[in-house]
Amino acid sequence: MQKERLIPLIVACALFMENMDSTVIATSLPAIAADIGTSPLTLKLAITSYLLSLAVFIPASGWTADRFGARAVFSAAIAVFMVGSIGCAMSSSITDFVIARTLQGVGGAMMTPVGRLVLLRSIDKSALVNAMAWVTIPALIGPLIGPPLGGFITTYFSWHWIFLINIPIGLLGIWMALKFIDPITSEVPERFDLTGLVLAGLGVAGLAFGLSVAGLGLLPWPVVVALIVGGALAMGLYLRHARRTASPVLDFSLMRYPTLRASLTGGFLFRLGIGALPFLLPLLMQIGFGLSPFQSGLVTFASAVGALGMKTLAARIIRAFGFRNIMTVNAVASSIFLAACALFTPATPLLLIMIILIVGGFLRSLQFTAINTLAYAEIATEETSRATTLVSVVQQLAISAGVAVGAFAVEATIAARHATEPGADDFWPAFVVVAILSATSCYAFWKLPVDAGHQISGHKIPPPESAMAPEAAAAESTQDARDQKLN
């Protein structure tokens, strides 16, 4: 098998577990909440703790891979994720579940960025769009079969078994990594920025966790305010520290590249909106429409079908129209289909719901492929570990923020109508809010140069007349002179 396909498929084993895990949990939240004695909205902490753990530990991934080798780190990360999965299956309280999800996050913090680093160092940039598509195709099998499989197991067996699915997948990923991935290390690893890791971790943890628990009533308001203020202060201290450090753990100087800057800023806003969808949609189907977890899974299955269909066309579309044009228009189009979920009611025909989800998944998949690829268009080889670390942190923060914003919008709607339990009418404002946030990402993409990322996309820009070759310009000038004599 060609390296362009083999390496992405190995990395995809890790992405498969993560995607499967997140979609299975989203579908099964009500059943898990009922079993461990809490509410589905409170279980948002289980999702947030996982994403928060990712964001805190990802900064160490690039240096760790350079120091100990990508193969060893990648394999160990999968093993840690598997242990966390077993912990989730054995949980009997919200505390146990959150701790196990946090452990999964530690493993995921190394799996994804290190896998992406292997990809960048193994694949030529001209083949990167196709490679990213290959990485995502197997990973999309997770969300494709996750909702119906998770719903089926939860409805007819027990939710505990949905986490044990990760074990055989993880064992396969470890075997493939040890067999096919070279132990890529840096000849001269950079000095590890421990101070930066602590400050950045405290900043991310304080801000993300503080914002996520605000309004849930789980912690006193003074504690919530202290978390947010403390996180902001720690992040400010980190930015000051980073300017004085030769090898900062989060290298924001890479933002000098327009393509990476657009991918991070526009991608953050786009993911903030889209990241709320896997949380909101299953809850709407089960709590609002009264569907079983299995029925809810079959409905959300449609979104993954649309995403899977896009992967075979992404490279061709980007090559034909270029990153800037596609990402600007598609950000708005994807957000419109996200906002359309606000129109869903128990009376909405199932076929119409499926069509909206399939088309929306198709468009979102194209946008994610473009965002993920464009980030590395101008990154030099020696900067890849720092770039993958920065990109991964921003991505996870965006998804975490999306879940928090979506849940907060639902909770605010419930409070506004003085209700005690959520109903179908409490979800539509959340879909509108996250769709608007997602649509604003188009401005960051529109500001890109028209030829942004052309070395990766293969999109050809017609040269302006002023850039014509000297021979062609001279010939045109001679022809103009002849025309004037004849007149």
Foldseek 3Di string as FASTA:
>chain_A
DDPLQLLLVLLLLLLQLVLLVLLLCLLCLCLVCVQLPHHSLVLLLLVLLLLLLLLLQLLCQLLCCQVFFLLVLQLVLLVQLLQLLLQCLPDNHSVSSSVSSSSNSNSSSNSNLSSVLLSVVRDDLQCQLLSLLSNVLSSLVSLLVNQLVSLVCVVPNNNSCSSNVSVVSSVVSSVSSVVPPDRNHHPDRDDDDPLLSVLQSLLSCLQLVLLLCPPVPPDDPVVSVCSNVRSVVSVVVSVVVQVVDPDHSANPVLCVDLLLVLLLPLVLLQLLLVLQVSNQQSCLCCFAQVDGSNVSSVLLSLLSQLLSVQSVPLLVVCQAQNLLVLLLVLLLVLLVLLLVVLVDHNPPDSVVSSVSSNNSSNSVNSNVSSSVSSNCLPPDSVCSSSSSSNNSSSSSSSSSNSNSQQSVQLSVQCVVVVHDDGYNNSRSVSSNVSSVSSNVSSVSSNPDPSCRSCSNSVHDDDDDPVPDDPVVVVVVVVVVVVVVVVD
